[in-house]
Amino acid sequence: MAPTADWRHGQVALLFPGQGNQFPGMGRALYERGGHFRSVFDDCADRFVRAGCTDPRALLNAGAAEIRDTAAQQPYLFALEYALGSMLLAMRLPVAAMVGHSIGEYVAATLAGVFDLADAVPIVATRSRIMSRAPRGAMLAVLAAEEQVSAFLHERLSLCVVNSDMSCVVGGTEQDIDALAPRLAAARLHAVRLPTSHAFHSYLMDAGSREFAAAFDGVALHVPRSPIVSNLDGRADLPERFATADYWVDHLRRTVRFNACLETLAALVPAGAWVEAGPGKSIANALGRLTLPDVRHFSVVLPDDETAGLDTLLAQCWANGMTVDWEPLYGATRGNVVPLAPHPLDEISCWVDAPAKREVVAQAPAYRKQDDLDQWFYAYDWAPLPDIGAVAAPPRPLRRCC
């Protein structure tokens, strides 16, 4: 993994998707890996079972039809995303802000301390049952601006979600949605039916609002410890409202303005990693319409290989200079020491003999440049001569006397 940016002072944003992105087996590979994720997922699952919900662990191997049921899907999605977000926080990633889409905002709020987990689970369980008992409905994703879509709405059609400047979701009864589709086609507006059983965040949720408000009786809510961006208007500068039951009752019914959420998040975390800590790539598609040159987006829970997506995120954060605590990824497991089979070695000495000592002859001093021009054309060269004492003296000439 090669560095792509300097994130030594960078930050991380956690984004938790909502319903509609589920796929069979989501979270199973992360659960099988164990570590902090499995521990927290088990804790959430046990709490949801005590709250009368389907065990999320049973849904790890369930089919598409089973996880489509709202009463089962919302607790399953909450357990998965809460366990993943909790693990990333335990790994000491520098999370600066969080945002969730619909049920995903409950995950963000719980991680930020608005809810204690003991209170969040029964509230999510009640929410899932109320929404599943609401009149049946349908949702239609429309590739058009909010102003264009609003022209087609009436009292039985609600603007449920604004995902981007050119992407909205409309909800209503199945009959009203069936009647809307050809009108949009006639106006050359592309629309796609979403795989949902109800029209979430529409007028069809009004009937359960009073019952849902009662779920907050005796529940202590707190101001978030870290910034959360609100679905209602995309603002993060009013943290005290998250600590009121009225906010969450409004959240059940009102439009999710996720485009405004992303714009606010871009101001809070303009550089670093944006992590889609849940199934699918719906948030990644919305991010494609924002200009964020210093942000890299990571989709973690994908059908092909969710552990590879998580490992890529962590490796890139580490390579770019962030501090990562790796222990929560696998827990306290350190592995087992396995002895290897011995290998017989022949007792033969293979050492290389040291070279024999050689006398070092001092090198003659290197020539140097002469400053006197008259000495540029010759140089002194000394040659050794034989010892004079060792040379025999020549014989003297004989003199003859007579």
Protein backbone atom coordinates (compact mmCIF):
# COMPACT_ATOMS: atom_id res chain seq x y z
CA MET A 1 0.00 0.00 0.00
CA ALA A 2 1.61 3.25 -1.15
CA PRO A 3 0.92 6.63 0.50
CA THR A 4 -1.50 8.82 -1.45
CA ALA A 5 -1.61 11.88 0.83
CA ASP A 6 -0.31 13.27 4.09
CA TRP A 7 -2.91 12.36 6.71
CA ARG A 8 -0.75 12.85 9.79
CA HIS A 9 -3.14 15.65 10.72
CA GLY A 10 -6.06 14.34 8.65
CA GLN A 11 -9.45 13.29 9.97
CA VAL A 12 -12.05 10.59 9.43
CA ALA A 13 -15.81 10.96 8.85
CA LEU A 14 -18.11 8.00 9.48
CA LEU A 15 -21.22 7.71 7.27
CA PHE A 16 -23.88 5.13 8.15
CA PRO A 17 -26.31 4.16 5.34
CA GLY A 18 -29.98 3.35 5.80
CA GLN A 19 -32.32 0.71 4.45
CA GLY A 20 -32.35 -0.29 0.82
CA ASN A 21 -28.67 -1.26 0.57
CA GLN A 22 -28.91 -4.64 2.28
CA PHE A 23 -27.65 -7.84 0.70
CA PRO A 24 -27.61 -11.47 1.91
CA GLY A 25 -24.62 -12.22 4.12
CA MET A 26 -23.75 -8.62 4.92
CA GLY A 27 -21.41 -8.52 7.90
CA ARG A 28 -20.80 -12.28 7.93
CA ALA A 29 -17.12 -12.09 6.95
CA LEU A 30 -16.47 -9.40 9.54
CA TYR A 31 -18.24 -11.48 12.17
CA GLU A 32 -16.24 -14.60 11.29
CA ARG A 33 -12.99 -12.66 11.65
CA GLY A 34 -13.89 -12.03 15.28
CA GLY A 35 -12.22 -9.35 17.37
CA HIS A 36 -13.98 -6.21 18.56
CA PHE A 37 -16.60 -6.37 15.81
CA ARG A 38 -17.88 -9.77 16.83
CA SER A 39 -17.92 -8.90 20.53
CA VAL A 40 -20.02 -5.75 19.98
CA PHE A 41 -22.27 -7.44 17.39
CA ASP A 42 -22.99 -10.26 19.86
CA ASP A 43 -23.80 -7.71 22.58
CA CYS A 44 -26.24 -5.89 20.29
CA ALA A 45 -27.78 -9.16 19.11
CA ASP A 46 -28.39 -10.38 22.66
CA ARG A 47 -30.06 -7.07 23.52
CA PHE A 48 -32.31 -7.19 20.44
CA VAL A 49 -33.37 -10.74 21.25
CA ARG A 50 -34.38 -9.62 24.73
CA ALA A 51 -36.31 -6.75 23.09
CA GLY A 52 -38.35 -9.29 21.09
CA CYS A 53 -36.56 -8.92 17.72
CA THR A 54 -35.16 -11.50 15.34
CA ASP A 55 -31.62 -12.42 16.32
CA PRO A 56 -29.30 -10.46 13.95
CA ARG A 57 -26.84 -13.37 14.07
CA ALA A 58 -29.47 -15.59 12.44
CA LEU A 59 -29.74 -13.08 9.60
CA LEU A 60 -26.03 -13.32 8.74
CA ASN A 61 -26.92 -16.43 6.71
CA ALA A 62 -30.46 -15.44 5.70
CA GLY A 63 -31.81 -14.89 2.21
CA ALA A 64 -32.90 -11.68 0.53
CA ALA A 65 -36.58 -12.10 1.46
CA GLU A 66 -35.84 -12.54 5.17
CA ILE A 67 -33.67 -9.45 5.52
CA ARG A 68 -36.13 -7.30 3.56
CA ASP A 69 -38.62 -7.34 6.44
CA THR A 70 -38.37 -3.95 8.17
CA ALA A 71 -38.93 -5.38 11.66
CA ALA A 72 -35.88 -7.62 11.21
CA GLN A 73 -33.76 -5.45 8.94
CA GLN A 74 -33.48 -2.33 11.11
CA PRO A 75 -32.09 -4.14 14.19
CA TYR A 76 -29.77 -6.15 11.93
CA LEU A 77 -28.53 -2.98 10.22
CA PHE A 78 -28.10 -1.16 13.53
CA ALA A 79 -26.08 -4.03 15.05
CA LEU A 80 -23.82 -4.27 12.00
CA GLU A 81 -23.13 -0.56 11.68
CA TYR A 82 -22.77 0.05 15.41
CA ALA A 83 -20.26 -2.82 15.73
CA LEU A 84 -18.27 -1.54 12.75
CA GLY A 85 -18.26 2.06 13.94
CA SER A 86 -17.34 1.01 17.47
CA MET A 87 -14.40 -1.00 16.16
CA LEU A 88 -13.07 1.89 14.06
CA LEU A 89 -13.26 4.17 17.10
CA ALA A 90 -11.50 1.52 19.20
CA MET A 91 -8.73 1.41 16.59
CA ARG A 92 -8.15 5.10 17.39
CA LEU A 93 -8.95 6.49 13.96
CA PRO A 94 -9.32 10.29 14.29
CA VAL A 95 -13.10 10.44 13.77
CA ALA A 96 -14.11 14.11 13.64
CA ALA A 97 -17.79 13.88 12.62
CA MET A 98 -20.55 11.38 11.84
CA VAL A 99 -23.69 11.31 9.75
CA GLY A 100 -26.30 8.61 9.26
CA HIS A 101 -29.04 8.07 6.71
CA SER A 102 -32.38 7.45 8.47
CA ILE A 103 -31.75 4.47 10.81
CA GLY A 104 -28.05 5.21 10.34
CA GLU A 105 -28.47 8.42 12.35
CA TYR A 106 -29.39 6.28 15.38
CA VAL A 107 -26.03 4.54 14.99
CA ALA A 108 -24.19 7.85 14.86
CA ALA A 109 -26.12 9.19 17.85
CA THR A 110 -25.40 6.11 19.95
CA LEU A 111 -21.69 6.19 19.17
CA ALA A 112 -21.66 9.91 20.03
CA GLY A 113 -23.33 9.27 23.40
CA VAL A 114 -26.83 10.63 22.74
CA PHE A 115 -28.23 7.20 23.61
CA ASP A 116 -26.80 4.59 25.90
CA LEU A 117 -26.75 1.28 24.06
CA ALA A 118 -29.15 -0.14 26.66
CA ASP A 119 -31.69 2.55 25.66
CA ALA A 120 -30.93 2.66 21.93
CA VAL A 121 -31.75 -1.01 21.33
CA PRO A 122 -35.37 -0.96 22.63
CA ILE A 123 -35.99 2.37 20.86
CA VAL A 124 -34.73 0.95 17.54
CA ALA A 125 -36.79 -2.21 18.16
CA THR A 126 -39.93 -0.14 18.74
CA ARG A 127 -39.21 2.00 15.69
CA SER A 128 -38.78 -1.05 13.46
CA ARG A 129 -42.07 -2.57 14.65
CA ILE A 130 -44.02 0.68 14.22
CA MET A 131 -42.69 1.20 10.70
CA SER A 132 -43.37 -2.42 9.75
CA ARG A 133 -46.99 -2.14 10.98
CA ALA A 134 -47.59 1.09 9.05
CA PRO A 135 -49.76 0.90 5.94
CA ARG A 136 -47.99 -0.75 3.06
CA GLY A 137 -46.30 1.64 0.71
CA ALA A 138 -43.69 2.07 -1.97
CA MET A 139 -40.80 4.40 -2.74
CA LEU A 140 -39.61 5.75 -6.08
CA ALA A 141 -36.14 7.20 -6.71
CA VAL A 142 -36.29 10.05 -9.21
CA LEU A 143 -33.29 11.56 -11.01
CA ALA A 144 -34.44 15.16 -10.84
CA ALA A 145 -34.11 18.27 -8.72
CA GLU A 146 -36.34 18.81 -5.72
CA GLU A 147 -38.18 21.65 -7.49
CA GLN A 148 -39.02 19.39 -10.42
CA VAL A 149 -40.20 16.53 -8.22
CA SER A 150 -42.30 18.79 -5.99
CA ALA A 151 -44.50 19.66 -8.97
CA PHE A 152 -45.76 16.05 -9.03
CA LEU A 153 -46.56 15.76 -5.31
CA HIS A 154 -49.94 15.92 -3.59
CA GLU A 155 -51.32 15.02 -0.16
CA ARG A 156 -50.84 11.28 -0.80
CA LEU A 157 -47.29 11.57 -2.14
CA SER A 158 -44.44 12.69 0.14
CA LEU A 159 -40.91 13.84 -0.55
CA CYS A 160 -39.06 11.29 1.58
CA VAL A 161 -35.40 11.86 0.75
CA VAL A 162 -33.26 14.41 -1.07
CA ASN A 163 -29.99 12.60 -1.72
CA SER A 164 -28.39 15.17 -4.01
CA ASP A 165 -29.21 18.11 -6.24
CA MET A 166 -30.49 15.67 -8.87
CA SER A 167 -31.70 12.70 -6.84
CA CYS A 168 -34.89 12.50 -4.76
CA VAL A 169 -37.10 9.75 -3.34
CA VAL A 170 -40.90 9.93 -3.30
CA GLY A 171 -43.12 7.74 -1.10
CA GLY A 172 -46.79 6.84 -0.93
CA THR A 173 -49.17 3.95 -1.31
CA GLU A 174 -48.39 1.41 -3.99
CA GLN A 175 -51.33 2.65 -6.05
CA ASP A 176 -50.17 6.27 -5.92
CA ILE A 177 -46.59 5.33 -6.77
CA ASP A 178 -47.81 3.20 -9.69
CA ALA A 179 -49.77 6.19 -10.94
CA LEU A 180 -46.79 8.53 -10.54
CA ALA A 181 -44.33 6.48 -12.56
CA PRO A 182 -45.90 7.05 -16.02
CA ARG A 183 -46.34 10.77 -15.29
CA LEU A 184 -42.62 11.06 -14.60
CA ALA A 185 -41.81 9.07 -17.71
CA ALA A 186 -43.97 11.40 -19.79
CA ALA A 187 -41.95 14.31 -18.42
CA ARG A 188 -38.76 12.44 -19.37
CA LEU A 189 -37.70 12.04 -15.76
CA HIS A 190 -36.01 8.73 -15.00
CA ALA A 191 -37.38 6.87 -11.96
CA VAL A 192 -36.58 3.53 -10.28
CA ARG A 193 -38.75 1.60 -7.80
CA LEU A 194 -36.86 0.85 -4.57
CA PRO A 195 -36.98 -2.60 -2.90
CA THR A 196 -38.90 -1.50 0.21
CA SER A 197 -42.15 -2.68 1.76
CA HIS A 198 -43.11 0.72 3.20
CA ALA A 199 -42.87 4.41 2.40
CA PHE A 200 -40.46 5.57 5.09
CA HIS A 201 -40.39 9.26 6.07
CA SER A 202 -43.79 9.80 4.45
CA TYR A 203 -47.23 10.71 5.70
CA LEU A 204 -47.90 6.98 6.11
CA MET A 205 -45.68 7.09 9.24
CA ASP A 206 -47.90 9.64 11.00
CA ALA A 207 -50.10 7.00 12.64
CA GLY A 208 -47.21 5.59 14.69
CA SER A 209 -45.76 8.88 15.88
CA ARG A 210 -47.64 8.92 19.22
CA GLU A 211 -46.69 5.33 20.01
CA PHE A 212 -43.07 6.04 19.15
CA ALA A 213 -43.00 9.08 21.45
CA ALA A 214 -43.97 6.82 24.34
CA ALA A 215 -40.81 4.75 23.75
CA PHE A 216 -38.75 7.65 25.10
CA ASP A 217 -40.50 7.75 28.48
CA GLY A 218 -37.86 7.44 31.18
CA VAL A 219 -34.98 7.49 28.67
CA ALA A 220 -32.09 9.85 29.45
CA LEU A 221 -30.82 11.57 26.29
CA HIS A 222 -27.53 13.45 26.13
CA VAL A 223 -25.89 16.12 24.01
CA PRO A 224 -23.52 14.36 21.55
CA ARG A 225 -19.84 14.23 22.46
CA SER A 226 -18.79 14.68 18.83
CA PRO A 227 -20.47 16.41 15.88
CA ILE A 228 -23.50 14.72 14.26
CA VAL A 229 -25.08 16.13 11.13
CA SER A 230 -28.88 16.16 11.27
CA ASN A 231 -31.03 14.52 8.58
CA LEU A 232 -33.74 17.13 9.07
CA ASP A 233 -31.79 20.11 7.75
CA GLY A 234 -28.13 19.14 7.39
CA ARG A 235 -27.02 21.21 10.38
CA ALA A 236 -24.48 20.21 13.04
CA ASP A 237 -24.48 23.43 15.07
CA LEU A 238 -27.52 22.59 17.23
CA PRO A 239 -26.31 19.57 19.22
CA GLU A 240 -28.74 20.08 22.10
CA ARG A 241 -31.76 19.13 19.98
CA PHE A 242 -30.52 15.54 19.67
CA ALA A 243 -31.18 15.24 23.40
CA THR A 244 -34.97 15.72 22.97
CA ALA A 245 -37.59 13.08 22.19
CA ASP A 246 -39.39 15.49 19.86
CA TYR A 247 -36.43 15.49 17.51
CA TRP A 248 -36.54 11.73 17.05
CA VAL A 249 -40.31 11.68 16.59
CA ASP A 250 -39.94 14.30 13.83
CA HIS A 251 -37.12 12.23 12.39
CA LEU A 252 -39.54 9.34 11.87
CA ARG A 253 -41.75 11.36 9.57
CA ARG A 254 -39.85 14.27 8.02
CA THR A 255 -37.78 14.39 4.84
CA VAL A 256 -34.18 13.18 5.01
CA ARG A 257 -32.11 15.97 3.44
CA PHE A 258 -28.95 14.02 2.92
CA ASN A 259 -27.56 16.41 0.32
CA ALA A 260 -27.40 19.12 2.99
CA CYS A 261 -25.77 16.62 5.36
CA LEU A 262 -22.94 15.94 2.92
CA GLU A 263 -22.33 19.63 2.31
CA THR A 264 -22.00 20.25 6.04
CA LEU A 265 -19.76 17.21 6.44
CA ALA A 266 -17.48 18.57 3.73
CA ALA A 267 -16.96 21.68 5.84
CA LEU A 268 -16.31 19.62 8.99
CA VAL A 269 -13.93 17.09 7.39
CA PRO A 270 -12.49 18.67 4.22
CA ALA A 271 -9.49 16.34 4.06
CA GLY A 272 -8.93 12.72 4.99
CA ALA A 273 -11.07 9.58 4.79
CA TRP A 274 -14.86 9.37 4.48
CA VAL A 275 -15.88 5.86 5.48
CA GLU A 276 -19.22 4.38 4.42
CA ALA A 277 -19.54 2.16 7.50
CA GLY A 278 -22.40 -0.01 6.32
CA PRO A 279 -23.63 -2.05 3.36
CA GLY A 280 -23.54 -0.84 -0.23
CA LYS A 281 -22.22 2.20 -2.08
CA SER A 282 -25.23 4.52 -2.10
CA ILE A 283 -23.36 7.27 -0.25
CA ALA A 284 -20.43 6.89 -2.60
CA ASN A 285 -22.74 7.57 -5.52
CA ALA A 286 -23.99 10.76 -3.85
CA LEU A 287 -20.43 11.83 -3.11
CA GLY A 288 -19.61 11.65 -6.81
CA ARG A 289 -21.53 14.89 -7.28
CA LEU A 290 -19.45 16.77 -4.71
CA THR A 291 -16.06 18.30 -5.45
CA LEU A 292 -13.80 17.10 -2.64
CA PRO A 293 -10.25 16.82 -4.00
CA ASP A 294 -8.66 16.13 -0.59
CA VAL A 295 -11.15 13.46 0.50
CA ARG A 296 -10.93 9.76 -0.29
CA HIS A 297 -14.07 7.67 0.10
CA PHE A 298 -14.09 4.06 1.27
CA SER A 299 -17.01 1.61 0.97
CA VAL A 300 -16.34 -1.08 3.54
CA VAL A 301 -19.24 -3.58 3.50
CA LEU A 302 -19.62 -4.82 -0.07
CA PRO A 303 -20.97 -8.13 -1.40
CA ASP A 304 -17.68 -9.22 -2.98
CA ASP A 305 -15.27 -9.04 -0.02
CA GLU A 306 -16.05 -6.84 2.96
CA THR A 307 -12.91 -7.79 4.89
CA ALA A 308 -10.78 -6.62 1.95
CA GLY A 309 -12.64 -3.30 1.93
CA LEU A 310 -11.95 -2.80 5.63
CA ASP A 311 -8.31 -3.81 5.28
CA THR A 312 -7.84 -1.39 2.39
CA LEU A 313 -9.24 1.44 4.50
CA LEU A 314 -7.00 0.68 7.48
CA ALA A 315 -3.89 0.15 5.36
CA GLN A 316 -4.41 3.43 3.51
CA CYS A 317 -4.94 5.35 6.75
CA TRP A 318 -1.74 3.87 8.18
CA ALA A 319 0.28 4.42 5.00
CA ASN A 320 -0.84 8.05 4.88
CA GLY A 321 0.38 8.71 8.39
CA MET A 322 -2.55 8.04 10.73
CA THR A 323 -2.00 6.10 13.94
CA VAL A 324 -3.88 2.78 13.93
CA ASP A 325 -4.33 0.46 16.91
CA TRP A 326 -4.50 -2.97 15.29
CA GLU A 327 -5.49 -5.06 18.31
CA PRO A 328 -9.30 -4.51 18.06
CA LEU A 329 -9.25 -5.91 14.52
CA TYR A 330 -8.59 -9.44 15.78
CA GLY A 331 -8.98 -8.96 19.53
CA ALA A 332 -6.43 -10.25 22.02
CA THR A 333 -5.59 -13.24 19.84
CA ARG A 334 -1.86 -13.47 19.25
CA GLY A 335 -1.77 -16.77 17.42
CA ASN A 336 -0.04 -20.01 18.39
CA VAL A 337 3.64 -20.85 18.11
CA VAL A 338 3.98 -23.91 15.87
CA PRO A 339 7.30 -25.83 16.03
CA LEU A 340 8.83 -26.64 12.68
CA ALA A 341 10.21 -30.08 11.84
CA PRO A 342 14.00 -30.28 12.51
CA HIS A 343 16.36 -30.34 9.52
CA PRO A 344 19.48 -32.57 9.67
CA LEU A 345 22.65 -30.63 8.90
CA ASP A 346 26.02 -32.21 7.94
CA GLU A 347 28.85 -31.30 10.29
CA ILE A 348 31.10 -29.86 7.61
CA SER A 349 32.96 -26.64 8.16
CA CYS A 350 32.36 -24.21 5.35
CA TRP A 351 34.21 -21.21 6.69
CA VAL A 352 36.30 -19.25 4.20
CA ASP A 353 40.01 -19.02 5.17
CA ALA A 354 41.26 -15.56 5.89
CA PRO A 355 43.72 -14.21 3.29
CA ALA A 356 47.40 -14.23 4.14
CA LYS A 357 48.88 -11.02 5.47
CA ARG A 358 50.68 -8.90 2.95
CA GLU A 359 53.11 -6.12 3.57
CA VAL A 360 51.65 -2.78 2.73
CA VAL A 361 54.01 -0.63 0.71
CA ALA A 362 53.55 3.02 1.39
CA GLN A 363 52.41 4.82 -1.68
CA ALA A 364 54.45 7.67 -3.04
CA PRO A 365 52.89 11.02 -2.32
CA ALA A 366 50.49 12.14 -4.99
CA TYR A 367 51.64 14.76 -7.42
CA ARG A 368 50.47 18.23 -6.68
CA LYS A 369 50.11 21.26 -8.81
CA GLN A 370 53.19 23.49 -8.90
CA ASP A 371 52.69 27.17 -8.36
CA ASP A 372 55.94 28.11 -10.18
CA LEU A 373 55.41 28.09 -13.96
CA ASP A 374 59.10 27.20 -14.51
CA GLN A 375 58.49 23.88 -12.83
CA TRP A 376 55.49 22.90 -14.92
CA PHE A 377 57.54 21.01 -17.53
CA TYR A 378 59.35 18.55 -15.30
CA ALA A 379 58.97 16.77 -11.99
CA TYR A 380 61.36 15.15 -9.60
CA ASP A 381 61.45 11.38 -9.68
CA TRP A 382 63.49 9.46 -7.16
CA ALA A 383 64.80 6.02 -7.83
CA PRO A 384 66.47 3.80 -5.23
CA LEU A 385 70.20 3.18 -5.66
CA PRO A 386 72.21 0.22 -4.35
CA ASP A 387 73.97 0.61 -1.07
CA ILE A 388 77.39 2.21 -1.80
CA GLY A 389 79.05 0.21 0.93
CA ALA A 390 78.07 -2.98 -0.78
CA VAL A 391 79.84 -2.03 -4.06
CA ALA A 392 83.51 -3.24 -4.40
CA ALA A 393 86.10 -0.46 -4.91
CA PRO A 394 87.83 -0.53 -8.32
CA PRO A 395 91.48 -1.75 -8.28
CA ARG A 396 94.14 0.93 -8.24
CA PRO A 397 96.56 1.11 -11.17
CA LEU A 398 100.01 -0.38 -10.43
CA ARG A 399 103.03 1.91 -10.50
CA ARG A 400 106.31 0.53 -11.54
CA CYS A 401 109.42 1.76 -9.75
CA CYS A 402 112.88 1.02 -10.74
